[in-house]
Amino acid sequence: MAKSKTPGSSPKAKGAGVVRTARNRSAARDPKSVAKMLDELLPLAEPGALEIHLNAAVLELAEPAQLLELAADPALGPLLLCRLAPNVALVDPGRAGELADVLRRRGYTPKILKREITDAAEP
């Protein structure tokens, strides 16, 4: 499910054109443009076998355009592994704290939800 890190696959390497377009407010208002740019920058997770991810870090935003803006950012994009939905991304779990710190420094106020998953006793 994780995005492969091959040369040329980072948001920075995808080309300045995608980043410039992502920051263009008029393009970000068109849902089809946002979806196309997100597909190029942060692909959807490919469905596969049934998987359960314990301790997964997820970033959820109100609008896909917001995710596009963050994915196009050279400091934030590498922290995002793939999209789970148009406005939801899987975050590198080892770097979720770093993502929260960068978002705060940039003026965002992320709401951090922590859920502890414990093994339930079998009857």
N, C-alpha and C. Protein backbone atom coordinates (compact mmCIF):
# COMPACT_ATOMS: atom_id res chain seq x y z
N MET A 1 0.81 -1.18 0.00
CA MET A 1 0.00 0.00 0.00
C MET A 1 0.86 1.25 0.00
N ALA A 2 2.08 1.16 0.47
CA ALA A 2 2.95 2.32 0.56
C ALA A 2 3.44 2.72 -0.82
N LYS A 3 3.59 4.02 -1.00
CA LYS A 3 4.09 4.56 -2.24
C LYS A 3 5.57 4.23 -2.35
N SER A 4 5.99 3.75 -3.51
CA SER A 4 7.39 3.41 -3.68
C SER A 4 8.21 4.68 -3.80
N LYS A 5 9.41 4.61 -3.30
CA LYS A 5 10.32 5.76 -3.33
C LYS A 5 11.37 5.52 -4.41
N THR A 6 10.99 5.68 -5.66
CA THR A 6 11.92 5.52 -6.75
C THR A 6 12.36 6.90 -7.21
N PRO A 7 13.51 7.00 -7.86
CA PRO A 7 13.95 8.30 -8.34
C PRO A 7 12.87 8.93 -9.21
N GLY A 8 12.62 10.21 -8.95
CA GLY A 8 11.60 10.92 -9.72
C GLY A 8 10.20 10.76 -9.17
N SER A 9 10.02 10.04 -8.05
CA SER A 9 8.67 9.84 -7.54
C SER A 9 8.30 10.80 -6.43
N SER A 10 9.25 11.60 -5.93
CA SER A 10 8.93 12.53 -4.87
C SER A 10 8.16 13.70 -5.45
N PRO A 11 7.36 14.38 -4.61
CA PRO A 11 6.61 15.53 -5.11
C PRO A 11 7.53 16.57 -5.75
N LYS A 12 8.70 16.78 -5.19
CA LYS A 12 9.63 17.77 -5.74
C LYS A 12 10.08 17.35 -7.14
N ALA A 13 10.32 16.06 -7.32
CA ALA A 13 10.81 15.56 -8.60
C ALA A 13 9.71 15.45 -9.65
N LYS A 14 8.47 15.53 -9.25
CA LYS A 14 7.36 15.43 -10.21
C LYS A 14 7.30 16.65 -11.11
N GLY A 15 8.05 17.67 -10.77
CA GLY A 15 8.11 18.84 -11.63
C GLY A 15 7.47 20.04 -10.98
N ALA A 16 8.09 21.16 -11.23
CA ALA A 16 7.59 22.40 -10.66
C ALA A 16 6.22 22.75 -11.21
N GLY A 17 5.90 22.26 -12.39
CA GLY A 17 4.59 22.57 -12.99
C GLY A 17 3.44 22.08 -12.14
N VAL A 18 3.55 20.88 -11.59
CA VAL A 18 2.48 20.35 -10.73
C VAL A 18 2.37 21.19 -9.48
N VAL A 19 3.51 21.56 -8.90
CA VAL A 19 3.48 22.36 -7.68
C VAL A 19 2.88 23.74 -7.96
N ARG A 20 3.31 24.36 -9.05
CA ARG A 20 2.74 25.67 -9.40
C ARG A 20 1.24 25.56 -9.62
N THR A 21 0.82 24.52 -10.32
CA THR A 21 -0.61 24.34 -10.59
C THR A 21 -1.37 24.09 -9.30
N ALA A 22 -0.78 23.34 -8.39
CA ALA A 22 -1.43 23.04 -7.12
C ALA A 22 -1.65 24.31 -6.31
N ARG A 23 -0.76 25.24 -6.46
CA ARG A 23 -0.89 26.49 -5.70
C ARG A 23 -1.78 27.50 -6.41
N ASN A 24 -2.15 27.22 -7.63
CA ASN A 24 -3.03 28.10 -8.38
C ASN A 24 -4.44 27.94 -7.84
N ARG A 25 -4.94 28.95 -7.20
CA ARG A 25 -6.25 28.86 -6.54
C ARG A 25 -7.39 28.55 -7.51
N SER A 26 -7.33 29.06 -8.73
CA SER A 26 -8.42 28.79 -9.67
C SER A 26 -8.46 27.31 -10.05
N ALA A 27 -7.30 26.70 -10.23
CA ALA A 27 -7.27 25.28 -10.55
C ALA A 27 -7.74 24.44 -9.37
N ALA A 28 -7.42 24.89 -8.16
CA ALA A 28 -7.79 24.13 -6.96
C ALA A 28 -9.29 24.17 -6.71
N ARG A 29 -10.01 25.07 -7.33
CA ARG A 29 -11.46 25.14 -7.14
C ARG A 29 -12.20 24.13 -8.01
N ASP A 30 -11.58 23.66 -9.06
CA ASP A 30 -12.22 22.71 -9.97
C ASP A 30 -11.95 21.29 -9.47
N PRO A 31 -13.00 20.58 -9.01
CA PRO A 31 -12.80 19.23 -8.45
C PRO A 31 -12.09 18.28 -9.40
N LYS A 32 -12.35 18.38 -10.71
CA LYS A 32 -11.68 17.47 -11.66
C LYS A 32 -10.19 17.78 -11.75
N SER A 33 -9.83 19.06 -11.72
CA SER A 33 -8.42 19.43 -11.76
C SER A 33 -7.72 18.96 -10.49
N VAL A 34 -8.37 19.13 -9.35
CA VAL A 34 -7.79 18.70 -8.08
C VAL A 34 -7.57 17.20 -8.10
N ALA A 35 -8.56 16.44 -8.55
CA ALA A 35 -8.45 14.98 -8.59
C ALA A 35 -7.31 14.55 -9.50
N LYS A 36 -7.18 15.18 -10.66
CA LYS A 36 -6.12 14.81 -11.60
C LYS A 36 -4.75 15.11 -11.01
N MET A 37 -4.60 16.28 -10.39
CA MET A 37 -3.31 16.64 -9.80
C MET A 37 -2.97 15.73 -8.62
N LEU A 38 -3.98 15.38 -7.82
CA LEU A 38 -3.75 14.46 -6.71
C LEU A 38 -3.31 13.10 -7.21
N ASP A 39 -3.93 12.63 -8.31
CA ASP A 39 -3.53 11.34 -8.88
C ASP A 39 -2.06 11.35 -9.29
N GLU A 40 -1.58 12.48 -9.82
CA GLU A 40 -0.19 12.58 -10.24
C GLU A 40 0.76 12.67 -9.05
N LEU A 41 0.34 13.39 -8.02
CA LEU A 41 1.22 13.71 -6.91
C LEU A 41 1.17 12.69 -5.78
N LEU A 42 -0.03 12.18 -5.47
CA LEU A 42 -0.22 11.27 -4.34
C LEU A 42 -1.26 10.24 -4.74
N PRO A 43 -0.84 9.13 -5.34
CA PRO A 43 -1.80 8.15 -5.86
C PRO A 43 -2.65 7.50 -4.78
N LEU A 44 -3.81 7.05 -5.19
CA LEU A 44 -4.69 6.29 -4.29
C LEU A 44 -4.04 4.95 -3.97
N ALA A 45 -4.29 4.47 -2.78
CA ALA A 45 -3.82 3.14 -2.41
C ALA A 45 -4.53 2.13 -3.31
N GLU A 46 -3.79 1.15 -3.78
CA GLU A 46 -4.39 0.14 -4.63
C GLU A 46 -5.01 -0.94 -3.75
N PRO A 47 -6.26 -1.30 -4.06
CA PRO A 47 -6.89 -2.34 -3.26
C PRO A 47 -6.16 -3.66 -3.43
N GLY A 48 -6.10 -4.38 -2.36
CA GLY A 48 -5.43 -5.68 -2.40
C GLY A 48 -6.13 -6.61 -1.45
N ALA A 49 -5.35 -7.42 -0.82
CA ALA A 49 -5.89 -8.36 0.15
C ALA A 49 -6.43 -7.59 1.35
N LEU A 50 -7.24 -8.25 2.12
CA LEU A 50 -7.76 -7.67 3.35
C LEU A 50 -6.59 -7.36 4.27
N GLU A 51 -6.49 -6.12 4.70
CA GLU A 51 -5.37 -5.72 5.53
C GLU A 51 -5.87 -4.97 6.75
N ILE A 52 -5.21 -5.18 7.86
CA ILE A 52 -5.48 -4.42 9.08
C ILE A 52 -4.17 -3.75 9.45
N HIS A 53 -4.21 -2.45 9.59
CA HIS A 53 -3.01 -1.70 9.94
C HIS A 53 -3.17 -1.17 11.36
N LEU A 54 -2.42 -1.72 12.27
CA LEU A 54 -2.41 -1.21 13.63
C LEU A 54 -1.42 -0.05 13.68
N ASN A 55 -1.75 0.93 14.47
CA ASN A 55 -0.88 2.10 14.64
C ASN A 55 -0.65 2.86 13.34
N ALA A 56 -1.67 2.98 12.52
CA ALA A 56 -1.58 3.75 11.29
C ALA A 56 -1.79 5.23 11.60
N ALA A 57 -1.10 6.08 10.87
CA ALA A 57 -1.28 7.52 10.99
C ALA A 57 -2.02 8.00 9.75
N VAL A 58 -3.08 8.75 9.94
CA VAL A 58 -3.93 9.19 8.85
C VAL A 58 -4.13 10.70 8.95
N LEU A 59 -4.06 11.38 7.82
CA LEU A 59 -4.32 12.81 7.74
C LEU A 59 -5.64 12.99 7.01
N GLU A 60 -6.61 13.63 7.65
CA GLU A 60 -7.90 13.88 7.03
C GLU A 60 -8.13 15.38 6.96
N LEU A 61 -8.51 15.85 5.79
CA LEU A 61 -8.75 17.27 5.57
C LEU A 61 -10.18 17.49 5.10
N ALA A 62 -10.64 18.71 5.21
CA ALA A 62 -12.02 19.01 4.81
C ALA A 62 -12.21 18.91 3.30
N GLU A 63 -11.20 19.31 2.54
CA GLU A 63 -11.33 19.36 1.08
C GLU A 63 -10.13 18.70 0.39
N PRO A 64 -10.37 18.04 -0.75
CA PRO A 64 -9.26 17.48 -1.52
C PRO A 64 -8.22 18.54 -1.92
N ALA A 65 -8.66 19.77 -2.18
CA ALA A 65 -7.72 20.83 -2.56
C ALA A 65 -6.70 21.10 -1.46
N GLN A 66 -7.10 20.94 -0.21
CA GLN A 66 -6.17 21.12 0.89
C GLN A 66 -5.11 20.01 0.88
N LEU A 67 -5.54 18.79 0.61
CA LEU A 67 -4.59 17.68 0.54
C LEU A 67 -3.64 17.89 -0.63
N LEU A 68 -4.13 18.38 -1.74
CA LEU A 68 -3.29 18.66 -2.89
C LEU A 68 -2.22 19.68 -2.53
N GLU A 69 -2.59 20.72 -1.84
CA GLU A 69 -1.63 21.74 -1.44
C GLU A 69 -0.54 21.16 -0.54
N LEU A 70 -0.93 20.33 0.42
CA LEU A 70 0.05 19.73 1.32
C LEU A 70 0.93 18.71 0.59
N ALA A 71 0.34 17.92 -0.30
CA ALA A 71 1.09 16.91 -1.04
C ALA A 71 2.11 17.56 -1.97
N ALA A 72 1.81 18.76 -2.47
CA ALA A 72 2.71 19.46 -3.38
C ALA A 72 3.85 20.15 -2.64
N ASP A 73 3.73 20.28 -1.34
CA ASP A 73 4.74 20.96 -0.54
C ASP A 73 5.96 20.05 -0.38
N PRO A 74 7.16 20.52 -0.74
CA PRO A 74 8.35 19.68 -0.66
C PRO A 74 8.68 19.17 0.75
N ALA A 75 8.26 19.89 1.78
CA ALA A 75 8.54 19.46 3.15
C ALA A 75 7.49 18.48 3.66
N LEU A 76 6.27 18.58 3.17
CA LEU A 76 5.17 17.74 3.67
C LEU A 76 4.88 16.54 2.78
N GLY A 77 5.00 16.70 1.48
CA GLY A 77 4.69 15.62 0.54
C GLY A 77 5.37 14.30 0.85
N PRO A 78 6.68 14.31 1.17
CA PRO A 78 7.36 13.04 1.44
C PRO A 78 6.85 12.32 2.69
N LEU A 79 6.11 13.01 3.55
CA LEU A 79 5.57 12.38 4.76
C LEU A 79 4.27 11.62 4.46
N LEU A 80 3.69 11.86 3.28
CA LEU A 80 2.44 11.23 2.89
C LEU A 80 2.73 10.04 1.98
N LEU A 81 2.20 8.88 2.34
CA LEU A 81 2.50 7.65 1.59
C LEU A 81 1.57 7.42 0.42
N CYS A 82 0.27 7.61 0.63
CA CYS A 82 -0.71 7.41 -0.43
C CYS A 82 -2.03 7.99 0.04
N ARG A 83 -2.98 8.11 -0.90
CA ARG A 83 -4.32 8.58 -0.54
C ARG A 83 -5.21 7.38 -0.25
N LEU A 84 -6.05 7.54 0.74
CA LEU A 84 -7.06 6.52 1.04
C LEU A 84 -8.42 6.95 0.52
N ALA A 85 -8.59 8.24 0.34
CA ALA A 85 -9.81 8.85 -0.19
C ALA A 85 -9.40 10.21 -0.75
N PRO A 86 -10.30 10.90 -1.45
CA PRO A 86 -9.91 12.19 -2.03
C PRO A 86 -9.34 13.20 -1.02
N ASN A 87 -9.76 13.12 0.22
CA ASN A 87 -9.30 14.08 1.22
C ASN A 87 -8.58 13.42 2.40
N VAL A 88 -8.14 12.18 2.23
CA VAL A 88 -7.50 11.42 3.32
C VAL A 88 -6.21 10.78 2.80
N ALA A 89 -5.12 10.94 3.57
CA ALA A 89 -3.84 10.36 3.19
C ALA A 89 -3.29 9.52 4.33
N LEU A 90 -2.60 8.46 3.96
CA LEU A 90 -1.87 7.65 4.91
C LEU A 90 -0.52 8.34 5.13
N VAL A 91 -0.17 8.54 6.39
CA VAL A 91 1.06 9.23 6.76
C VAL A 91 2.09 8.21 7.19
N ASP A 92 3.34 8.47 6.87
CA ASP A 92 4.42 7.62 7.35
C ASP A 92 4.30 7.59 8.87
N PRO A 93 3.97 6.45 9.48
CA PRO A 93 3.69 6.42 10.92
C PRO A 93 4.87 6.85 11.78
N GLY A 94 6.07 6.65 11.33
CA GLY A 94 7.23 7.07 12.08
C GLY A 94 7.48 8.57 12.02
N ARG A 95 6.72 9.25 11.16
CA ARG A 95 6.94 10.68 10.96
C ARG A 95 5.68 11.52 11.20
N ALA A 96 4.68 10.93 11.84
CA ALA A 96 3.43 11.64 12.10
C ALA A 96 3.66 12.85 13.01
N GLY A 97 4.52 12.71 14.00
CA GLY A 97 4.83 13.84 14.88
C GLY A 97 5.50 14.97 14.12
N GLU A 98 6.39 14.61 13.20
CA GLU A 98 7.05 15.60 12.36
C GLU A 98 6.03 16.34 11.50
N LEU A 99 5.06 15.60 10.94
CA LEU A 99 4.01 16.22 10.15
C LEU A 99 3.23 17.23 10.99
N ALA A 100 2.84 16.83 12.19
CA ALA A 100 2.09 17.73 13.08
C ALA A 100 2.90 18.98 13.39
N ASP A 101 4.20 18.82 13.65
CA ASP A 101 5.06 19.97 13.95
C ASP A 101 5.16 20.94 12.77
N VAL A 102 5.35 20.39 11.57
CA VAL A 102 5.45 21.24 10.38
C VAL A 102 4.13 21.96 10.14
N LEU A 103 3.02 21.26 10.30
CA LEU A 103 1.71 21.89 10.12
C LEU A 103 1.52 23.04 11.11
N ARG A 104 1.88 22.83 12.35
CA ARG A 104 1.75 23.88 13.37
C ARG A 104 2.62 25.09 13.02
N ARG A 105 3.86 24.84 12.61
CA ARG A 105 4.75 25.95 12.23
C ARG A 105 4.21 26.75 11.06
N ARG A 106 3.40 26.11 10.24
CA ARG A 106 2.84 26.78 9.06
C ARG A 106 1.47 27.41 9.35
N GLY A 107 1.06 27.39 10.61
CA GLY A 107 -0.18 28.06 10.98
C GLY A 107 -1.42 27.18 11.03
N TYR A 108 -1.28 25.90 10.75
CA TYR A 108 -2.41 24.98 10.86
C TYR A 108 -2.57 24.59 12.34
N THR A 109 -3.76 24.21 12.70
CA THR A 109 -4.00 23.71 14.05
C THR A 109 -4.57 22.29 13.94
N PRO A 110 -3.69 21.32 13.75
CA PRO A 110 -4.18 19.95 13.57
C PRO A 110 -4.81 19.41 14.86
N LYS A 111 -5.90 18.71 14.68
CA LYS A 111 -6.55 18.02 15.79
C LYS A 111 -5.97 16.61 15.80
N ILE A 112 -5.27 16.28 16.87
CA ILE A 112 -4.60 14.98 16.96
C ILE A 112 -5.50 14.01 17.73
N LEU A 113 -5.91 12.96 17.06
CA LEU A 113 -6.74 11.94 17.69
C LEU A 113 -5.85 10.74 17.98
N LYS A 114 -5.86 10.30 19.20
CA LYS A 114 -5.08 9.12 19.57
C LYS A 114 -6.05 8.05 20.05
N ARG A 115 -5.99 6.93 19.39
CA ARG A 115 -6.81 5.80 19.78
C ARG A 115 -5.89 4.64 20.09
N GLU A 116 -6.02 4.10 21.26
CA GLU A 116 -5.20 2.95 21.62
C GLU A 116 -6.00 1.70 21.30
N ILE A 117 -5.38 0.82 20.56
CA ILE A 117 -6.03 -0.44 20.21
C ILE A 117 -5.41 -1.52 21.07
N THR A 118 -6.26 -2.21 21.77
CA THR A 118 -5.77 -3.30 22.62
C THR A 118 -6.42 -4.59 22.16
N ASP A 119 -5.78 -5.68 22.47
CA ASP A 119 -6.33 -6.98 22.12
C ASP A 119 -7.52 -7.25 23.04
N ALA A 120 -8.63 -7.60 22.44
CA ALA A 120 -9.81 -7.95 23.23
C ALA A 120 -9.69 -9.41 23.67
N ALA A 121 -10.14 -9.66 24.85
CA ALA A 121 -10.12 -11.04 25.36
C ALA A 121 -11.14 -11.86 24.61
N GLU A 122 -10.74 -13.03 24.21
CA GLU A 122 -11.66 -13.94 23.53
C GLU A 122 -12.59 -14.59 24.56
N PRO A 123 -13.88 -14.73 24.25
CA PRO A 123 -14.82 -15.37 25.20
C PRO A 123 -14.53 -16.84 25.36
